[in-house]
N, C-alpha and C. Protein backbone atom coordinates (compact mmCIF):
# COMPACT_ATOMS: atom_id res chain seq x y z
N MET A 1 0.83 -1.18 0.00
CA MET A 1 0.00 0.00 0.00
C MET A 1 0.87 1.24 0.00
N ALA A 2 0.44 2.28 -0.64
CA ALA A 2 1.19 3.52 -0.72
C ALA A 2 1.32 4.13 0.67
N GLY A 3 2.50 4.65 0.96
CA GLY A 3 2.73 5.35 2.21
C GLY A 3 3.13 4.46 3.37
N GLU A 4 3.05 3.14 3.23
CA GLU A 4 3.42 2.26 4.32
C GLU A 4 4.93 2.11 4.39
N VAL A 5 5.42 1.95 5.60
CA VAL A 5 6.83 1.72 5.83
C VAL A 5 6.97 0.27 6.28
N PHE A 6 7.70 -0.51 5.52
CA PHE A 6 7.90 -1.90 5.90
C PHE A 6 9.26 -2.02 6.55
N LEU A 7 9.28 -2.54 7.77
CA LEU A 7 10.45 -2.49 8.62
C LEU A 7 11.24 -3.79 8.73
N SER A 8 11.01 -4.76 7.88
CA SER A 8 11.77 -6.00 7.97
C SER A 8 13.26 -5.68 7.86
N GLY A 9 14.03 -6.27 8.77
CA GLY A 9 15.48 -6.06 8.76
C GLY A 9 15.90 -4.79 9.46
N GLN A 10 15.00 -4.15 10.19
CA GLN A 10 15.33 -2.96 10.97
C GLN A 10 15.07 -3.25 12.44
N PHE A 11 15.38 -2.27 13.28
CA PHE A 11 15.12 -2.39 14.71
C PHE A 11 14.09 -1.35 15.12
N LEU A 12 13.23 -1.74 16.04
CA LEU A 12 12.32 -0.80 16.69
C LEU A 12 12.77 -0.67 18.13
N LEU A 13 12.96 0.56 18.57
CA LEU A 13 13.33 0.84 19.95
C LEU A 13 12.14 1.49 20.63
N ALA A 14 11.76 0.97 21.78
CA ALA A 14 10.63 1.54 22.53
C ALA A 14 11.08 2.83 23.19
N MET A 15 10.30 3.88 22.97
CA MET A 15 10.56 5.16 23.59
C MET A 15 10.11 5.11 25.05
N PRO A 16 10.75 5.89 25.93
CA PRO A 16 10.26 5.97 27.31
C PRO A 16 8.79 6.39 27.30
N GLY A 17 8.01 5.79 28.16
CA GLY A 17 6.60 6.14 28.25
C GLY A 17 5.75 5.55 27.15
N ILE A 18 6.19 4.45 26.55
CA ILE A 18 5.43 3.82 25.46
C ILE A 18 4.03 3.41 25.92
N GLY A 19 3.86 3.23 27.22
CA GLY A 19 2.53 2.92 27.74
C GLY A 19 2.24 1.45 27.90
N ASP A 20 3.18 0.60 27.58
CA ASP A 20 3.00 -0.84 27.73
C ASP A 20 4.22 -1.38 28.46
N PRO A 21 4.09 -1.77 29.73
CA PRO A 21 5.27 -2.21 30.50
C PRO A 21 6.00 -3.40 29.88
N ARG A 22 5.33 -4.17 29.05
CA ARG A 22 6.00 -5.30 28.40
C ARG A 22 7.07 -4.83 27.42
N PHE A 23 6.99 -3.58 27.01
CA PHE A 23 7.95 -3.06 26.04
C PHE A 23 8.85 -1.96 26.61
N ASP A 24 8.92 -1.84 27.93
CA ASP A 24 9.79 -0.86 28.55
C ASP A 24 11.24 -1.15 28.16
N HIS A 25 11.89 -0.20 27.53
CA HIS A 25 13.29 -0.32 27.06
C HIS A 25 13.48 -1.49 26.08
N ALA A 26 12.46 -1.81 25.32
CA ALA A 26 12.55 -2.93 24.37
C ALA A 26 13.28 -2.52 23.10
N ILE A 27 13.98 -3.47 22.55
CA ILE A 27 14.55 -3.35 21.21
C ILE A 27 14.11 -4.60 20.46
N ILE A 28 13.44 -4.38 19.33
CA ILE A 28 12.85 -5.47 18.57
C ILE A 28 13.56 -5.58 17.22
N ALA A 29 14.08 -6.75 16.92
CA ALA A 29 14.64 -7.03 15.59
C ALA A 29 13.47 -7.44 14.70
N MET A 30 13.09 -6.55 13.79
CA MET A 30 11.92 -6.80 12.95
C MET A 30 12.25 -7.83 11.87
N CYS A 31 11.45 -8.89 11.82
CA CYS A 31 11.70 -10.00 10.90
C CYS A 31 10.69 -10.05 9.76
N ALA A 32 9.51 -9.51 9.97
CA ALA A 32 8.49 -9.48 8.92
C ALA A 32 7.57 -8.30 9.18
N HIS A 33 7.22 -7.60 8.12
CA HIS A 33 6.28 -6.49 8.23
C HIS A 33 5.71 -6.24 6.84
N ASP A 34 4.44 -6.52 6.71
CA ASP A 34 3.77 -6.30 5.43
C ASP A 34 2.32 -5.94 5.70
N ALA A 35 1.52 -5.93 4.67
CA ALA A 35 0.11 -5.54 4.82
C ALA A 35 -0.68 -6.49 5.72
N HIS A 36 -0.17 -7.69 5.97
CA HIS A 36 -0.87 -8.67 6.80
C HIS A 36 -0.53 -8.58 8.27
N GLY A 37 0.54 -7.86 8.61
CA GLY A 37 0.94 -7.73 10.00
C GLY A 37 2.45 -7.63 10.13
N ALA A 38 2.93 -7.78 11.35
CA ALA A 38 4.36 -7.65 11.61
C ALA A 38 4.77 -8.61 12.73
N MET A 39 6.05 -9.01 12.67
CA MET A 39 6.59 -9.92 13.66
C MET A 39 8.05 -9.57 13.90
N GLY A 40 8.43 -9.53 15.16
CA GLY A 40 9.82 -9.25 15.50
C GLY A 40 10.21 -10.01 16.75
N ILE A 41 11.50 -10.02 17.01
CA ILE A 41 12.05 -10.71 18.17
C ILE A 41 12.73 -9.69 19.08
N GLY A 42 12.28 -9.63 20.33
CA GLY A 42 12.94 -8.77 21.31
C GLY A 42 14.33 -9.31 21.60
N ILE A 43 15.30 -8.40 21.65
CA ILE A 43 16.69 -8.83 21.85
C ILE A 43 17.36 -8.14 23.04
N GLY A 44 16.57 -7.45 23.86
CA GLY A 44 17.17 -6.64 24.91
C GLY A 44 17.06 -7.16 26.32
N GLU A 45 16.24 -8.16 26.55
CA GLU A 45 16.02 -8.62 27.93
C GLU A 45 16.39 -10.09 28.07
N GLN A 46 17.44 -10.32 28.82
CA GLN A 46 17.91 -11.67 29.07
C GLN A 46 16.99 -12.34 30.09
N ILE A 47 16.72 -13.63 29.90
CA ILE A 47 15.92 -14.40 30.85
C ILE A 47 16.85 -14.91 31.95
N ASP A 48 16.56 -14.52 33.18
CA ASP A 48 17.39 -14.94 34.30
C ASP A 48 17.36 -16.44 34.48
N ASP A 49 18.50 -16.99 34.81
CA ASP A 49 18.62 -18.41 35.17
C ASP A 49 18.24 -19.38 34.06
N LEU A 50 18.38 -18.96 32.81
CA LEU A 50 18.15 -19.89 31.70
C LEU A 50 19.22 -19.64 30.63
N GLY A 51 19.97 -20.68 30.36
CA GLY A 51 21.00 -20.60 29.33
C GLY A 51 20.78 -21.69 28.30
N LEU A 52 21.58 -21.65 27.26
CA LEU A 52 21.44 -22.61 26.17
C LEU A 52 21.62 -24.05 26.65
N HIS A 53 22.56 -24.30 27.55
CA HIS A 53 22.76 -25.67 28.01
C HIS A 53 21.50 -26.25 28.64
N GLU A 54 20.85 -25.47 29.50
CA GLU A 54 19.62 -25.96 30.13
C GLU A 54 18.53 -26.18 29.08
N LEU A 55 18.44 -25.28 28.12
CA LEU A 55 17.44 -25.42 27.06
C LEU A 55 17.69 -26.70 26.25
N LEU A 56 18.93 -26.94 25.89
CA LEU A 56 19.27 -28.16 25.16
C LEU A 56 18.91 -29.40 25.96
N GLU A 57 19.21 -29.38 27.26
CA GLU A 57 18.89 -30.52 28.11
C GLU A 57 17.38 -30.77 28.18
N GLN A 58 16.58 -29.68 28.17
CA GLN A 58 15.13 -29.83 28.18
C GLN A 58 14.64 -30.56 26.93
N PHE A 59 15.35 -30.39 25.82
CA PHE A 59 15.00 -31.06 24.56
C PHE A 59 15.77 -32.38 24.39
N GLU A 60 16.48 -32.78 25.44
CA GLU A 60 17.27 -34.01 25.41
C GLU A 60 18.27 -34.02 24.27
N ILE A 61 18.92 -32.85 24.05
CA ILE A 61 19.98 -32.71 23.06
C ILE A 61 21.29 -32.61 23.82
N ASP A 62 22.26 -33.42 23.44
CA ASP A 62 23.58 -33.38 24.07
C ASP A 62 24.18 -31.99 23.84
N VAL A 63 24.66 -31.37 24.89
CA VAL A 63 25.20 -30.01 24.83
C VAL A 63 26.35 -29.92 23.83
N GLY A 64 27.13 -30.99 23.71
CA GLY A 64 28.23 -31.00 22.75
C GLY A 64 29.16 -29.82 22.93
N CYS A 65 29.40 -29.08 21.85
CA CYS A 65 30.33 -27.95 21.91
C CYS A 65 29.61 -26.60 21.96
N ALA A 66 28.33 -26.62 22.27
CA ALA A 66 27.56 -25.37 22.32
C ALA A 66 27.98 -24.51 23.51
N PRO A 67 28.18 -23.22 23.29
CA PRO A 67 28.45 -22.34 24.43
C PRO A 67 27.17 -22.19 25.26
N ASP A 68 27.32 -21.90 26.54
CA ASP A 68 26.14 -21.72 27.38
C ASP A 68 25.65 -20.27 27.26
N SER A 69 25.17 -19.94 26.08
CA SER A 69 24.71 -18.59 25.78
C SER A 69 23.44 -18.26 26.54
N PRO A 70 23.25 -16.97 26.86
CA PRO A 70 22.00 -16.58 27.51
C PRO A 70 20.84 -16.67 26.53
N ILE A 71 19.65 -16.74 27.08
CA ILE A 71 18.41 -16.75 26.29
C ILE A 71 17.72 -15.41 26.55
N VAL A 72 17.16 -14.81 25.50
CA VAL A 72 16.47 -13.53 25.67
C VAL A 72 14.96 -13.73 25.56
N LEU A 73 14.23 -12.77 26.15
CA LEU A 73 12.78 -12.76 26.04
C LEU A 73 12.43 -12.10 24.71
N GLY A 74 11.95 -12.91 23.78
CA GLY A 74 11.66 -12.43 22.43
C GLY A 74 10.40 -11.58 22.34
N GLY A 75 9.52 -11.73 23.29
CA GLY A 75 8.30 -10.94 23.29
C GLY A 75 7.19 -11.63 24.06
N PRO A 76 6.09 -10.92 24.19
CA PRO A 76 5.00 -11.44 25.02
C PRO A 76 4.13 -12.51 24.36
N VAL A 77 4.27 -12.69 23.04
CA VAL A 77 3.45 -13.66 22.33
C VAL A 77 4.15 -15.03 22.32
N GLU A 78 3.44 -16.05 22.72
CA GLU A 78 3.94 -17.44 22.75
C GLU A 78 5.32 -17.54 23.41
N PRO A 79 5.44 -17.17 24.69
CA PRO A 79 6.74 -17.19 25.34
C PRO A 79 7.34 -18.59 25.51
N GLY A 80 6.59 -19.63 25.23
CA GLY A 80 7.12 -20.98 25.28
C GLY A 80 7.68 -21.45 23.94
N ARG A 81 7.57 -20.62 22.93
CA ARG A 81 8.05 -20.97 21.58
C ARG A 81 9.42 -20.33 21.35
N GLY A 82 10.36 -21.11 20.82
CA GLY A 82 11.71 -20.62 20.62
C GLY A 82 12.01 -20.18 19.21
N PHE A 83 12.87 -19.17 19.12
CA PHE A 83 13.34 -18.64 17.84
C PHE A 83 14.83 -18.40 17.94
N VAL A 84 15.51 -18.51 16.81
CA VAL A 84 16.94 -18.21 16.77
C VAL A 84 17.18 -17.19 15.67
N LEU A 85 17.69 -16.03 16.07
CA LEU A 85 18.20 -15.05 15.11
C LEU A 85 19.64 -15.45 14.88
N HIS A 86 20.06 -15.51 13.62
CA HIS A 86 21.41 -15.98 13.38
C HIS A 86 22.00 -15.40 12.11
N SER A 87 23.31 -15.56 12.01
CA SER A 87 24.03 -15.12 10.82
C SER A 87 23.55 -15.93 9.63
N ASN A 88 23.76 -15.39 8.44
CA ASN A 88 23.25 -16.00 7.22
C ASN A 88 24.09 -17.18 6.71
N ASP A 89 24.99 -17.69 7.52
CA ASP A 89 25.84 -18.79 7.10
C ASP A 89 25.26 -20.17 7.40
N TRP A 90 24.01 -20.22 7.82
CA TRP A 90 23.34 -21.50 8.09
C TRP A 90 21.90 -21.39 7.64
N GLY A 91 21.38 -22.47 7.12
CA GLY A 91 19.99 -22.52 6.72
C GLY A 91 19.44 -23.91 6.94
N GLY A 92 18.22 -23.98 7.36
CA GLY A 92 17.58 -25.26 7.59
C GLY A 92 16.11 -25.15 7.25
N GLN A 93 15.37 -26.17 7.63
CA GLN A 93 13.94 -26.20 7.36
C GLN A 93 13.27 -24.97 7.97
N GLY A 94 12.61 -24.19 7.16
CA GLY A 94 11.87 -23.04 7.62
C GLY A 94 12.68 -21.80 7.93
N THR A 95 13.98 -21.81 7.62
CA THR A 95 14.80 -20.62 7.87
C THR A 95 14.35 -19.49 6.94
N ILE A 96 14.23 -18.30 7.52
CA ILE A 96 13.80 -17.12 6.77
C ILE A 96 14.94 -16.13 6.71
N ASP A 97 15.27 -15.66 5.51
CA ASP A 97 16.25 -14.60 5.34
C ASP A 97 15.54 -13.28 5.65
N VAL A 98 16.13 -12.47 6.51
CA VAL A 98 15.54 -11.18 6.88
C VAL A 98 16.32 -10.06 6.20
N ALA A 99 15.83 -9.66 5.04
CA ALA A 99 16.39 -8.53 4.28
C ALA A 99 17.88 -8.66 4.03
N GLY A 100 18.41 -9.89 3.99
CA GLY A 100 19.83 -10.09 3.74
C GLY A 100 20.71 -9.73 4.92
N ARG A 101 20.11 -9.36 6.05
CA ARG A 101 20.89 -8.89 7.21
C ARG A 101 21.14 -9.99 8.23
N TRP A 102 20.15 -10.80 8.49
CA TRP A 102 20.25 -11.93 9.40
C TRP A 102 19.18 -12.93 9.00
N SER A 103 19.17 -14.07 9.66
CA SER A 103 18.16 -15.09 9.39
C SER A 103 17.41 -15.41 10.67
N LEU A 104 16.24 -16.02 10.48
CA LEU A 104 15.39 -16.43 11.60
C LEU A 104 15.02 -17.89 11.39
N SER A 105 15.26 -18.70 12.42
CA SER A 105 14.89 -20.11 12.38
C SER A 105 14.09 -20.44 13.63
N GLY A 106 13.14 -21.35 13.49
CA GLY A 106 12.32 -21.72 14.63
C GLY A 106 12.20 -23.22 14.83
N SER A 107 13.00 -24.00 14.09
CA SER A 107 12.91 -25.45 14.25
C SER A 107 13.99 -25.94 15.21
N ILE A 108 13.77 -27.11 15.74
CA ILE A 108 14.73 -27.70 16.67
C ILE A 108 16.03 -28.09 15.97
N ASP A 109 16.00 -28.17 14.64
CA ASP A 109 17.21 -28.53 13.87
C ASP A 109 18.36 -27.58 14.14
N ILE A 110 18.06 -26.30 14.30
CA ILE A 110 19.15 -25.35 14.52
C ILE A 110 19.79 -25.56 15.89
N LEU A 111 19.01 -25.97 16.88
CA LEU A 111 19.59 -26.24 18.19
C LEU A 111 20.53 -27.45 18.12
N ARG A 112 20.10 -28.46 17.39
CA ARG A 112 20.97 -29.63 17.21
C ARG A 112 22.26 -29.24 16.48
N ALA A 113 22.13 -28.41 15.44
CA ALA A 113 23.30 -27.99 14.67
C ALA A 113 24.26 -27.19 15.54
N ILE A 114 23.74 -26.31 16.38
CA ILE A 114 24.60 -25.52 17.27
C ILE A 114 25.34 -26.45 18.23
N ALA A 115 24.63 -27.41 18.81
CA ALA A 115 25.25 -28.34 19.76
C ALA A 115 26.31 -29.20 19.09
N GLU A 116 26.12 -29.52 17.83
CA GLU A 116 27.07 -30.36 17.10
C GLU A 116 28.19 -29.56 16.45
N GLY A 117 28.18 -28.25 16.61
CA GLY A 117 29.25 -27.42 16.04
C GLY A 117 29.11 -27.16 14.56
N ARG A 118 27.93 -27.38 13.99
CA ARG A 118 27.74 -27.13 12.56
C ARG A 118 26.63 -26.09 12.31
N GLY A 119 26.33 -25.35 13.35
CA GLY A 119 25.30 -24.32 13.25
C GLY A 119 25.86 -23.00 12.76
N PRO A 120 25.07 -21.93 12.87
CA PRO A 120 25.54 -20.62 12.44
C PRO A 120 26.69 -20.12 13.32
N ARG A 121 27.52 -19.29 12.74
CA ARG A 121 28.65 -18.73 13.47
C ARG A 121 28.18 -17.82 14.60
N LYS A 122 27.13 -17.04 14.36
CA LYS A 122 26.60 -16.11 15.36
C LYS A 122 25.11 -16.37 15.52
N PHE A 123 24.64 -16.29 16.76
CA PHE A 123 23.21 -16.54 17.00
C PHE A 123 22.78 -15.94 18.33
N VAL A 124 21.48 -15.67 18.43
CA VAL A 124 20.82 -15.27 19.67
C VAL A 124 19.54 -16.08 19.73
N ILE A 125 19.32 -16.73 20.87
CA ILE A 125 18.13 -17.56 21.05
C ILE A 125 17.13 -16.80 21.91
N ALA A 126 15.87 -16.82 21.47
CA ALA A 126 14.81 -16.09 22.15
C ALA A 126 13.61 -16.98 22.38
N LEU A 127 12.88 -16.68 23.44
CA LEU A 127 11.60 -17.32 23.70
C LEU A 127 10.51 -16.27 23.53
N GLY A 128 9.54 -16.58 22.68
CA GLY A 128 8.45 -15.65 22.40
C GLY A 128 8.80 -14.68 21.29
N TYR A 129 7.81 -13.89 20.92
CA TYR A 129 8.00 -12.88 19.87
C TYR A 129 7.03 -11.73 20.08
N ALA A 130 7.27 -10.66 19.36
CA ALA A 130 6.35 -9.52 19.36
C ALA A 130 5.59 -9.58 18.04
N GLY A 131 4.28 -9.49 18.11
CA GLY A 131 3.48 -9.58 16.89
C GLY A 131 2.41 -8.51 16.84
N TRP A 132 2.09 -8.10 15.64
CA TRP A 132 1.07 -7.08 15.39
C TRP A 132 0.17 -7.56 14.27
N GLY A 133 -1.11 -7.33 14.37
CA GLY A 133 -2.06 -7.67 13.33
C GLY A 133 -1.96 -6.68 12.17
N ALA A 134 -2.72 -6.94 11.13
CA ALA A 134 -2.73 -6.08 9.93
C ALA A 134 -2.98 -4.63 10.32
N GLY A 135 -2.07 -3.76 9.96
CA GLY A 135 -2.21 -2.33 10.20
C GLY A 135 -1.92 -1.87 11.62
N GLN A 136 -1.80 -2.79 12.56
CA GLN A 136 -1.62 -2.40 13.96
C GLN A 136 -0.30 -1.68 14.20
N LEU A 137 0.81 -2.22 13.72
CA LEU A 137 2.10 -1.55 13.91
C LEU A 137 2.14 -0.24 13.15
N ASP A 138 1.57 -0.21 11.95
CA ASP A 138 1.54 1.03 11.18
C ASP A 138 0.85 2.13 11.97
N GLU A 139 -0.24 1.79 12.64
CA GLU A 139 -0.96 2.75 13.47
C GLU A 139 -0.09 3.19 14.66
N GLU A 140 0.57 2.23 15.31
CA GLU A 140 1.42 2.56 16.45
C GLU A 140 2.56 3.49 16.03
N LEU A 141 3.06 3.31 14.83
CA LEU A 141 4.18 4.14 14.36
C LEU A 141 3.78 5.59 14.13
N THR A 142 2.49 5.88 14.04
CA THR A 142 2.04 7.26 13.86
C THR A 142 1.96 8.00 15.19
N ARG A 143 2.07 7.27 16.29
CA ARG A 143 2.00 7.88 17.62
C ARG A 143 3.37 7.78 18.29
N HIS A 144 3.51 8.47 19.41
CA HIS A 144 4.72 8.37 20.21
C HIS A 144 4.87 6.93 20.70
N GLY A 145 6.03 6.38 20.61
CA GLY A 145 6.22 5.05 21.16
C GLY A 145 7.38 4.28 20.58
N TRP A 146 7.50 4.28 19.26
CA TRP A 146 8.55 3.48 18.63
C TRP A 146 9.50 4.38 17.83
N PHE A 147 10.77 4.00 17.82
CA PHE A 147 11.81 4.69 17.06
C PHE A 147 12.49 3.64 16.20
N SER A 148 12.54 3.86 14.91
CA SER A 148 13.10 2.87 13.97
C SER A 148 14.53 3.25 13.60
N ILE A 149 15.40 2.24 13.57
CA ILE A 149 16.78 2.44 13.12
C ILE A 149 17.16 1.32 12.15
N PRO A 150 18.19 1.55 11.32
CA PRO A 150 18.65 0.50 10.40
C PRO A 150 19.08 -0.76 11.15
N GLY A 151 18.88 -1.89 10.53
CA GLY A 151 19.16 -3.17 11.16
C GLY A 151 20.57 -3.68 10.93
N ASN A 152 21.53 -3.16 11.65
CA ASN A 152 22.90 -3.64 11.56
C ASN A 152 23.03 -4.89 12.43
N PRO A 153 23.40 -6.04 11.84
CA PRO A 153 23.49 -7.29 12.60
C PRO A 153 24.43 -7.23 13.81
N SER A 154 25.41 -6.34 13.80
CA SER A 154 26.33 -6.27 14.94
C SER A 154 25.61 -5.89 16.23
N LEU A 155 24.48 -5.20 16.12
CA LEU A 155 23.71 -4.86 17.32
C LEU A 155 23.11 -6.12 17.96
N ILE A 156 22.78 -7.10 17.14
CA ILE A 156 22.27 -8.37 17.66
C ILE A 156 23.40 -9.25 18.18
N PHE A 157 24.42 -9.42 17.34
CA PHE A 157 25.41 -10.46 17.60
C PHE A 157 26.66 -10.01 18.35
N ASP A 158 26.97 -8.72 18.33
CA ASP A 158 28.22 -8.27 18.94
C ASP A 158 28.03 -7.33 20.13
N THR A 159 26.79 -7.07 20.50
CA THR A 159 26.49 -6.16 21.61
C THR A 159 25.76 -6.95 22.69
N PRO A 160 26.21 -6.85 23.94
CA PRO A 160 25.51 -7.57 25.02
C PRO A 160 24.04 -7.13 25.11
N SER A 161 23.18 -8.07 25.47
CA SER A 161 21.74 -7.80 25.47
C SER A 161 21.36 -6.59 26.33
N ASP A 162 22.03 -6.40 27.45
CA ASP A 162 21.67 -5.28 28.32
C ASP A 162 22.14 -3.93 27.80
N ARG A 163 22.88 -3.91 26.70
CA ARG A 163 23.37 -2.66 26.10
C ARG A 163 22.71 -2.35 24.76
N ARG A 164 21.91 -3.26 24.23
CA ARG A 164 21.37 -3.10 22.88
C ARG A 164 20.45 -1.89 22.74
N TRP A 165 19.57 -1.65 23.70
CA TRP A 165 18.64 -0.53 23.62
C TRP A 165 19.41 0.79 23.59
N THR A 166 20.31 0.98 24.55
CA THR A 166 21.11 2.21 24.62
C THR A 166 21.97 2.36 23.38
N GLU A 167 22.63 1.30 23.00
CA GLU A 167 23.51 1.33 21.82
C GLU A 167 22.72 1.65 20.55
N GLY A 168 21.50 1.13 20.44
CA GLY A 168 20.67 1.43 19.28
C GLY A 168 20.41 2.92 19.14
N PHE A 169 20.04 3.56 20.22
CA PHE A 169 19.82 5.01 20.18
C PHE A 169 21.12 5.74 19.87
N GLN A 170 22.21 5.32 20.51
CA GLN A 170 23.49 5.99 20.28
C GLN A 170 23.92 5.89 18.82
N ARG A 171 23.69 4.76 18.19
CA ARG A 171 24.03 4.61 16.77
C ARG A 171 23.22 5.55 15.89
N ALA A 172 22.04 5.93 16.36
CA ALA A 172 21.19 6.86 15.61
C ALA A 172 21.51 8.31 15.97
N GLY A 173 22.50 8.52 16.84
CA GLY A 173 22.88 9.87 17.23
C GLY A 173 22.00 10.45 18.32
N VAL A 174 21.31 9.59 19.07
CA VAL A 174 20.41 10.03 20.13
C VAL A 174 20.97 9.59 21.48
N ASP A 175 21.07 10.53 22.40
CA ASP A 175 21.49 10.20 23.75
C ASP A 175 20.24 9.77 24.52
N PRO A 176 20.08 8.48 24.82
CA PRO A 176 18.84 8.03 25.47
C PRO A 176 18.61 8.62 26.86
N ARG A 177 19.65 9.15 27.49
CA ARG A 177 19.48 9.79 28.80
C ARG A 177 18.66 11.07 28.68
N LEU A 178 18.60 11.64 27.47
CA LEU A 178 17.88 12.88 27.27
C LEU A 178 16.44 12.68 26.82
N LEU A 179 16.03 11.43 26.64
CA LEU A 179 14.66 11.15 26.23
C LEU A 179 13.72 11.32 27.41
N SER A 180 12.53 11.77 27.13
CA SER A 180 11.54 12.00 28.17
C SER A 180 10.24 11.32 27.79
N ASN A 181 9.50 10.92 28.80
CA ASN A 181 8.20 10.30 28.52
C ASN A 181 7.05 11.32 28.62
N VAL A 182 7.39 12.58 28.73
CA VAL A 182 6.37 13.64 28.71
C VAL A 182 6.75 14.67 27.66
N CYS A 183 5.74 15.35 27.16
CA CYS A 183 6.02 16.41 26.19
C CYS A 183 5.19 17.63 26.56
N GLY A 184 5.64 18.74 26.10
CA GLY A 184 4.95 19.99 26.41
C GLY A 184 4.11 20.45 25.24
N THR A 185 3.50 21.60 25.41
CA THR A 185 2.72 22.21 24.34
C THR A 185 3.21 23.62 24.12
N ALA A 186 3.07 24.07 22.93
CA ALA A 186 3.54 25.42 22.64
C ALA A 186 2.36 26.32 22.29
């Protein structure tokens, strides 16, 4: 549709005062956005006391050579469902290329590949996702709440999860300490 902004392969950063505590200081790696809706993976909030080794053991997969990477909260939708954002050097059943910047996989095959040392070079594992129905994100983008930046994979793979939100704003030339959740009138 004319005038729509499709954000696949970009990041959405939640502005202070977004009005939804589930997205306080959220950074979302947008994986799909079209006329039917949008889907992204939160990459800023690590899940306490859950690492890759424990996740692999829950699926009865031998840990092998997998690092005990942290798991992030991907979003409020289906928090029991796992997703892997990863470098484009691996592909499996159902892997989706996200604008040539990174890939998204949701099958257990990628966990096995990581444990066996034949998975992607870089990856972030998330539980849950952020989803929007047709036109919902487009409407939200017209109001205060979200800030969009280019999707540089280094923000996912080379920046610690607790620094991604701040780093995202800094890469856009915005000092997040100066952001306010109130505005005035003139």
